[in-house]
Amino acid sequence: MYKCLLILLSVVGIATATFAQQKQDMNSMQSNHKVLVAYFSATGTTARAAQKVAAATGGELYAVTPAQPYTDADLDWHNAQSRSSVEMNDPKARPALGGKRLDVSGYDIVFIGYPIWWDLAPRIINTFIESHDLKGKTVVPFATSGSSSIAGSAAALKRTYPALNWKEGRLLNRADEKTIRTWIDRLGY
């Protein structure tokens, strides 16, 4: 009985120490880096992923909002005349931003989240990037998608904005906090 109690106490001690180390690592990241989690979400899916990224990093959430909100009809990708289809077929399209103006000067790391549309980031992400000075910051894309990987959209962003310090992005469909934490740890943050 005494041996079992010692083993149990050892296991609890190891688990507590592991949890304390993870919390210390997270607090260290939070104190060493000022993190922004900027995201565009048309249906709420990307917003939920962004909330998890912010929780894992201690980052500040910022919703990238269009000046004119998207309606269900705007998002109908089956309709070639829908707003989203027209924007995605025009590489120069830059939907106007709404919401409060954001000062990014105090942030070191900027996570940018978006749903994948036509294997790309929605054009409003281009508007966001071009409206904010992200040079000298670490930029990390994350996305949600019903069928695409993040590879095409992340590559397109890197090609379009080669002066930015891009890091490995991740598709976060139904990702739990542990999966997100593992990804962020692999990034070194």
C-alpha atoms as a PDB file:
ATOM      1  CA  MET A   1       0.000   0.000   0.000  1.00  0.00           C
ATOM      2  CA  TYR A   2       2.810   2.366   0.939  1.00  0.00           C
ATOM      3  CA  LYS A   3       4.524   1.692  -2.448  1.00  0.00           C
ATOM      4  CA  CYS A   4       1.293   2.417  -4.345  1.00  0.00           C
ATOM      5  CA  LEU A   5       0.904   5.691  -2.492  1.00  0.00           C
ATOM      6  CA  LEU A   6       4.474   6.693  -3.329  1.00  0.00           C
ATOM      7  CA  ILE A   7       3.964   5.822  -6.999  1.00  0.00           C
ATOM      8  CA  LEU A   8       0.715   7.780  -7.087  1.00  0.00           C
ATOM      9  CA  LEU A   9       2.346  10.806  -5.455  1.00  0.00           C
ATOM     10  CA  SER A  10       5.243  10.588  -7.933  1.00  0.00           C
ATOM     11  CA  VAL A  11       2.856  10.520 -10.919  1.00  0.00           C
ATOM     12  CA  VAL A  12       0.895  13.487  -9.551  1.00  0.00           C
ATOM     13  CA  GLY A  13       4.150  15.340  -8.923  1.00  0.00           C
ATOM     14  CA  ILE A  14       5.397  14.715 -12.462  1.00  0.00           C
ATOM     15  CA  ALA A  15       2.062  15.791 -13.954  1.00  0.00           C
ATOM     16  CA  THR A  16       2.027  18.947 -11.824  1.00  0.00           C
ATOM     17  CA  ALA A  17       5.610  19.772 -12.797  1.00  0.00           C
ATOM     18  CA  THR A  18       4.811  19.212 -16.495  1.00  0.00           C
ATOM     19  CA  PHE A  19       1.749  21.480 -16.269  1.00  0.00           C
ATOM     20  CA  ALA A  20       3.765  24.134 -14.428  1.00  0.00           C
ATOM     21  CA  GLN A  21       6.500  23.990 -17.091  1.00  0.00           C
ATOM     22  CA  GLN A  22       3.939  24.350 -19.902  1.00  0.00           C
ATOM     23  CA  LYS A  23       2.360  27.314 -18.124  1.00  0.00           C
ATOM     24  CA  GLN A  24       5.803  28.866 -17.570  1.00  0.00           C
ATOM     25  CA  ASP A  25       6.685  28.340 -21.256  1.00  0.00           C
ATOM     26  CA  MET A  26       3.429  29.990 -22.305  1.00  0.00           C
ATOM     27  CA  ASN A  27       3.968  32.908 -19.905  1.00  0.00           C
ATOM     28  CA  SER A  28       7.518  33.266 -21.206  1.00  0.00           C
ATOM     29  CA  MET A  29       6.217  33.510 -24.766  1.00  0.00           C
ATOM     30  CA  GLN A  30       3.632  36.041 -23.694  1.00  0.00           C
ATOM     31  CA  SER A  31       6.197  38.215 -21.962  1.00  0.00           C
ATOM     32  CA  ASN A  32       8.807  37.961 -24.724  1.00  0.00           C
ATOM     33  CA  HIS A  33       6.510  38.634 -27.682  1.00  0.00           C
ATOM     34  CA  LYS A  34       3.537  40.874 -28.247  1.00  0.00           C
ATOM     35  CA  VAL A  35       1.178  38.756 -30.360  1.00  0.00           C
ATOM     36  CA  LEU A  36      -1.700  39.875 -32.580  1.00  0.00           C
ATOM     37  CA  VAL A  37      -4.229  37.355 -33.880  1.00  0.00           C
ATOM     38  CA  ALA A  38      -5.951  39.091 -36.805  1.00  0.00           C
ATOM     39  CA  TYR A  39      -8.611  37.109 -38.615  1.00  0.00           C
ATOM     40  CA  PHE A  40     -11.395  37.364 -41.155  1.00  0.00           C
ATOM     41  CA  SER A  41     -14.334  35.043 -40.620  1.00  0.00           C
ATOM     42  CA  ALA A  42     -17.383  34.970 -42.871  1.00  0.00           C
ATOM     43  CA  THR A  43     -19.329  32.271 -40.993  1.00  0.00           C
ATOM     44  CA  GLY A  44     -17.710  32.057 -37.537  1.00  0.00           C
ATOM     45  CA  THR A  45     -15.513  29.013 -38.187  1.00  0.00           C
ATOM     46  CA  THR A  46     -12.283  30.987 -38.516  1.00  0.00           C
ATOM     47  CA  ALA A  47     -13.277  33.169 -35.550  1.00  0.00           C
ATOM     48  CA  ARG A  48     -13.416  30.070 -33.335  1.00  0.00           C
ATOM     49  CA  ALA A  49      -9.967  28.973 -34.535  1.00  0.00           C
ATOM     50  CA  ALA A  50      -8.608  32.499 -33.925  1.00  0.00           C
ATOM     51  CA  GLN A  51      -9.920  32.459 -30.354  1.00  0.00           C
ATOM     52  CA  LYS A  52      -7.996  29.234 -29.720  1.00  0.00           C
ATOM     53  CA  VAL A  53      -4.803  30.705 -31.239  1.00  0.00           C
ATOM     54  CA  ALA A  54      -5.181  33.803 -29.059  1.00  0.00           C
ATOM     55  CA  ALA A  55      -5.718  31.655 -25.962  1.00  0.00           C
ATOM     56  CA  ALA A  56      -2.630  29.548 -26.748  1.00  0.00           C
ATOM     57  CA  THR A  57      -0.391  32.552 -27.431  1.00  0.00           C
ATOM     58  CA  GLY A  58      -1.805  35.168 -25.081  1.00  0.00           C
ATOM     59  CA  GLY A  59      -2.340  37.219 -28.225  1.00  0.00           C
ATOM     60  CA  GLU A  60      -4.788  40.021 -28.772  1.00  0.00           C
ATOM     61  CA  LEU A  61      -7.719  39.247 -31.094  1.00  0.00           C
ATOM     62  CA  TYR A  62      -8.605  41.575 -33.955  1.00  0.00           C
ATOM     63  CA  ALA A  63     -11.463  40.863 -36.352  1.00  0.00           C
ATOM     64  CA  VAL A  64     -10.721  41.964 -39.916  1.00  0.00           C
ATOM     65  CA  THR A  65     -14.140  43.217 -40.958  1.00  0.00           C
ATOM     66  CA  PRO A  66     -15.312  44.366 -44.368  1.00  0.00           C
ATOM     67  CA  ALA A  67     -16.892  47.821 -44.648  1.00  0.00           C
ATOM     68  CA  GLN A  68     -19.801  46.055 -46.330  1.00  0.00           C
ATOM     69  CA  PRO A  69     -20.568  42.749 -44.557  1.00  0.00           C
ATOM     70  CA  TYR A  70     -20.911  39.636 -46.696  1.00  0.00           C
ATOM     71  CA  THR A  71     -24.423  38.231 -47.072  1.00  0.00           C
ATOM     72  CA  ASP A  72     -25.235  34.591 -47.737  1.00  0.00           C
ATOM     73  CA  ALA A  73     -25.808  35.531 -51.388  1.00  0.00           C
ATOM     74  CA  ASP A  74     -22.371  37.221 -51.486  1.00  0.00           C
ATOM     75  CA  LEU A  75     -20.784  33.976 -50.297  1.00  0.00           C
ATOM     76  CA  ASP A  76     -22.498  31.721 -52.856  1.00  0.00           C
ATOM     77  CA  TRP A  77     -19.463  30.282 -54.618  1.00  0.00           C
ATOM     78  CA  HIS A  78     -21.715  28.431 -57.074  1.00  0.00           C
ATOM     79  CA  ASN A  79     -22.823  31.790 -58.487  1.00  0.00           C
ATOM     80  CA  ALA A  80     -20.161  33.349 -60.724  1.00  0.00           C
ATOM     81  CA  GLN A  81     -21.786  36.757 -60.147  1.00  0.00           C
ATOM     82  CA  SER A  82     -21.722  36.589 -56.343  1.00  0.00           C
ATOM     83  CA  ARG A  83     -19.553  39.164 -54.596  1.00  0.00           C
ATOM     84  CA  SER A  84     -17.033  36.595 -53.358  1.00  0.00           C
ATOM     85  CA  SER A  85     -16.739  35.004 -56.814  1.00  0.00           C
ATOM     86  CA  VAL A  86     -16.218  38.371 -58.500  1.00  0.00           C
ATOM     87  CA  GLU A  87     -13.591  39.402 -55.913  1.00  0.00           C
ATOM     88  CA  MET A  88     -11.701  36.119 -56.106  1.00  0.00           C
ATOM     89  CA  ASN A  89     -11.630  36.240 -59.905  1.00  0.00           C
ATOM     90  CA  ASP A  90      -9.990  39.686 -59.760  1.00  0.00           C
ATOM     91  CA  PRO A  91      -6.464  39.566 -58.268  1.00  0.00           C
ATOM     92  CA  LYS A  92      -6.554  43.354 -57.869  1.00  0.00           C
ATOM     93  CA  ALA A  93      -9.788  43.384 -55.839  1.00  0.00           C
ATOM     94  CA  ARG A  94      -9.331  44.923 -52.416  1.00  0.00           C
ATOM     95  CA  PRO A  95     -12.580  45.052 -50.407  1.00  0.00           C
ATOM     96  CA  ALA A  96     -12.675  48.052 -48.063  1.00  0.00           C
ATOM     97  CA  LEU A  97     -12.035  47.460 -44.382  1.00  0.00           C
ATOM     98  CA  GLY A  98     -14.560  48.383 -41.731  1.00  0.00           C
ATOM     99  CA  GLY A  99     -14.234  48.358 -37.962  1.00  0.00           C
ATOM    100  CA  LYS A 100     -11.738  50.157 -35.788  1.00  0.00           C
ATOM    101  CA  ARG A 101      -8.338  51.193 -37.124  1.00  0.00           C
ATOM    102  CA  LEU A 102      -5.517  49.021 -35.814  1.00  0.00           C
ATOM    103  CA  ASP A 103      -2.019  50.137 -34.849  1.00  0.00           C
ATOM    104  CA  VAL A 104       0.287  47.137 -35.406  1.00  0.00           C
ATOM    105  CA  SER A 105       3.494  48.904 -34.372  1.00  0.00           C
ATOM    106  CA  GLY A 106       3.568  47.315 -30.909  1.00  0.00           C
ATOM    107  CA  TYR A 107       3.294  43.710 -32.107  1.00  0.00           C
ATOM    108  CA  ASP A 108       6.183  41.341 -32.852  1.00  0.00           C
ATOM    109  CA  ILE A 109       4.183  38.380 -34.168  1.00  0.00           C
ATOM    110  CA  VAL A 110       1.041  38.629 -36.291  1.00  0.00           C
ATOM    111  CA  PHE A 111      -1.062  35.520 -36.857  1.00  0.00           C
ATOM    112  CA  ILE A 112      -3.399  36.059 -39.827  1.00  0.00           C
ATOM    113  CA  GLY A 113      -6.423  33.793 -40.072  1.00  0.00           C
ATOM    114  CA  TYR A 114      -8.888  33.323 -42.905  1.00  0.00           C
ATOM    115  CA  PRO A 115     -11.228  30.874 -44.588  1.00  0.00           C
ATOM    116  CA  ILE A 116      -9.810  29.504 -47.835  1.00  0.00           C
ATOM    117  CA  TRP A 117     -11.707  30.692 -50.895  1.00  0.00           C
ATOM    118  CA  TRP A 118     -10.733  29.270 -54.290  1.00  0.00           C
ATOM    119  CA  ASP A 119      -7.493  27.926 -52.739  1.00  0.00           C
ATOM    120  CA  LEU A 120      -6.551  31.485 -51.698  1.00  0.00           C
ATOM    121  CA  ALA A 121      -6.970  33.877 -48.819  1.00  0.00           C
ATOM    122  CA  PRO A 122     -10.008  36.120 -49.376  1.00  0.00           C
ATOM    123  CA  ARG A 123      -9.068  39.448 -50.980  1.00  0.00           C
ATOM    124  CA  ILE A 124      -9.875  41.295 -47.755  1.00  0.00           C
ATOM    125  CA  ILE A 125      -6.742  39.673 -46.297  1.00  0.00           C
ATOM    126  CA  ASN A 126      -4.748  41.437 -49.021  1.00  0.00           C
ATOM    127  CA  THR A 127      -6.469  44.688 -48.016  1.00  0.00           C
ATOM    128  CA  PHE A 128      -5.504  44.067 -44.383  1.00  0.00           C
ATOM    129  CA  ILE A 129      -1.864  43.304 -45.196  1.00  0.00           C
ATOM    130  CA  GLU A 130      -1.531  46.291 -47.531  1.00  0.00           C
ATOM    131  CA  SER A 131      -3.178  48.605 -44.984  1.00  0.00           C
ATOM    132  CA  HIS A 132      -0.750  47.749 -42.165  1.00  0.00           C
ATOM    133  CA  ASP A 133       3.024  47.885 -41.982  1.00  0.00           C
ATOM    134  CA  LEU A 134       4.015  44.299 -41.194  1.00  0.00           C
ATOM    135  CA  LYS A 135       7.681  44.613 -42.199  1.00  0.00           C
ATOM    136  CA  GLY A 136      10.000  43.392 -39.466  1.00  0.00           C
ATOM    137  CA  LYS A 137       7.262  41.332 -37.856  1.00  0.00           C
ATOM    138  CA  THR A 138       6.868  37.581 -37.902  1.00  0.00           C
ATOM    139  CA  VAL A 139       3.720  36.722 -39.867  1.00  0.00           C
ATOM    140  CA  VAL A 140       2.027  33.345 -39.421  1.00  0.00           C
ATOM    141  CA  PRO A 141      -0.992  32.352 -41.522  1.00  0.00           C
ATOM    142  CA  PHE A 142      -3.699  29.984 -40.338  1.00  0.00           C
ATOM    143  CA  ALA A 143      -6.845  28.974 -42.136  1.00  0.00           C
ATOM    144  CA  THR A 144     -10.024  26.959 -42.155  1.00  0.00           C
ATOM    145  CA  SER A 145     -11.446  25.162 -45.162  1.00  0.00           C
ATOM    146  CA  GLY A 146     -13.995  22.597 -46.153  1.00  0.00           C
ATOM    147  CA  SER A 147     -11.710  20.930 -48.687  1.00  0.00           C
ATOM    148  CA  SER A 148      -8.434  22.797 -49.359  1.00  0.00           C
ATOM    149  CA  SER A 149      -5.106  22.640 -47.602  1.00  0.00           C
ATOM    150  CA  ILE A 150      -3.383  25.845 -46.542  1.00  0.00           C
ATOM    151  CA  ALA A 151      -0.456  25.265 -48.922  1.00  0.00           C
ATOM    152  CA  GLY A 152      -1.820  27.137 -51.959  1.00  0.00           C
ATOM    153  CA  SER A 153      -3.085  30.159 -50.053  1.00  0.00           C
ATOM    154  CA  ALA A 154       0.058  30.474 -47.923  1.00  0.00           C
ATOM    155  CA  ALA A 155       2.299  30.197 -51.004  1.00  0.00           C
ATOM    156  CA  ALA A 156       0.268  32.876 -52.787  1.00  0.00           C
ATOM    157  CA  LEU A 157       0.579  35.231 -49.813  1.00  0.00           C
ATOM    158  CA  LYS A 158       4.340  34.661 -49.660  1.00  0.00           C
ATOM    159  CA  ARG A 159       4.663  35.359 -53.408  1.00  0.00           C
ATOM    160  CA  THR A 160       2.548  38.496 -53.177  1.00  0.00           C
ATOM    161  CA  TYR A 161       4.307  39.840 -50.073  1.00  0.00           C
ATOM    162  CA  PRO A 162       7.873  38.463 -50.239  1.00  0.00           C
ATOM    163  CA  ALA A 163       9.313  41.172 -47.971  1.00  0.00           C
ATOM    164  CA  LEU A 164       7.394  39.834 -44.971  1.00  0.00           C
ATOM    165  CA  ASN A 165       8.874  37.300 -42.558  1.00  0.00           C
ATOM    166  CA  TRP A 166       6.455  34.418 -43.140  1.00  0.00           C
ATOM    167  CA  LYS A 167       6.445  31.313 -40.940  1.00  0.00           C
ATOM    168  CA  GLU A 168       4.788  27.935 -41.463  1.00  0.00           C
ATOM    169  CA  GLY A 169       1.026  28.191 -41.536  1.00  0.00           C
ATOM    170  CA  ARG A 170      -1.505  25.629 -40.461  1.00  0.00           C
ATOM    171  CA  LEU A 171      -5.003  24.552 -41.362  1.00  0.00           C
ATOM    172  CA  LEU A 172      -6.984  24.593 -38.108  1.00  0.00           C
ATOM    173  CA  ASN A 173     -10.213  22.801 -38.986  1.00  0.00           C
ATOM    174  CA  ARG A 174     -11.623  21.461 -35.732  1.00  0.00           C
ATOM    175  CA  ALA A 175      -8.189  21.793 -34.102  1.00  0.00           C
ATOM    176  CA  ASP A 176      -8.201  21.521 -30.343  1.00  0.00           C
ATOM    177  CA  GLU A 177      -6.064  23.582 -27.968  1.00  0.00           C
ATOM    178  CA  LYS A 178      -3.412  20.851 -27.675  1.00  0.00           C
ATOM    179  CA  THR A 179      -2.959  20.655 -31.474  1.00  0.00           C
ATOM    180  CA  ILE A 180      -2.658  24.428 -31.699  1.00  0.00           C
ATOM    181  CA  ARG A 181      -0.216  24.552 -28.785  1.00  0.00           C
ATOM    182  CA  THR A 182       1.965  21.867 -30.431  1.00  0.00           C
ATOM    183  CA  TRP A 183       2.027  23.854 -33.706  1.00  0.00           C
ATOM    184  CA  ILE A 184       2.920  27.089 -31.925  1.00  0.00           C
ATOM    185  CA  ASP A 185       5.628  25.337 -29.884  1.00  0.00           C
ATOM    186  CA  ARG A 186       7.100  23.960 -33.142  1.00  0.00           C
ATOM    187  CA  LEU A 187       7.225  27.529 -34.455  1.00  0.00           C
ATOM    188  CA  GLY A 188       9.291  28.454 -31.397  1.00  0.00           C
ATOM    189  CA  TYR A 189       6.764  30.769 -29.795  1.00  0.00           C
END
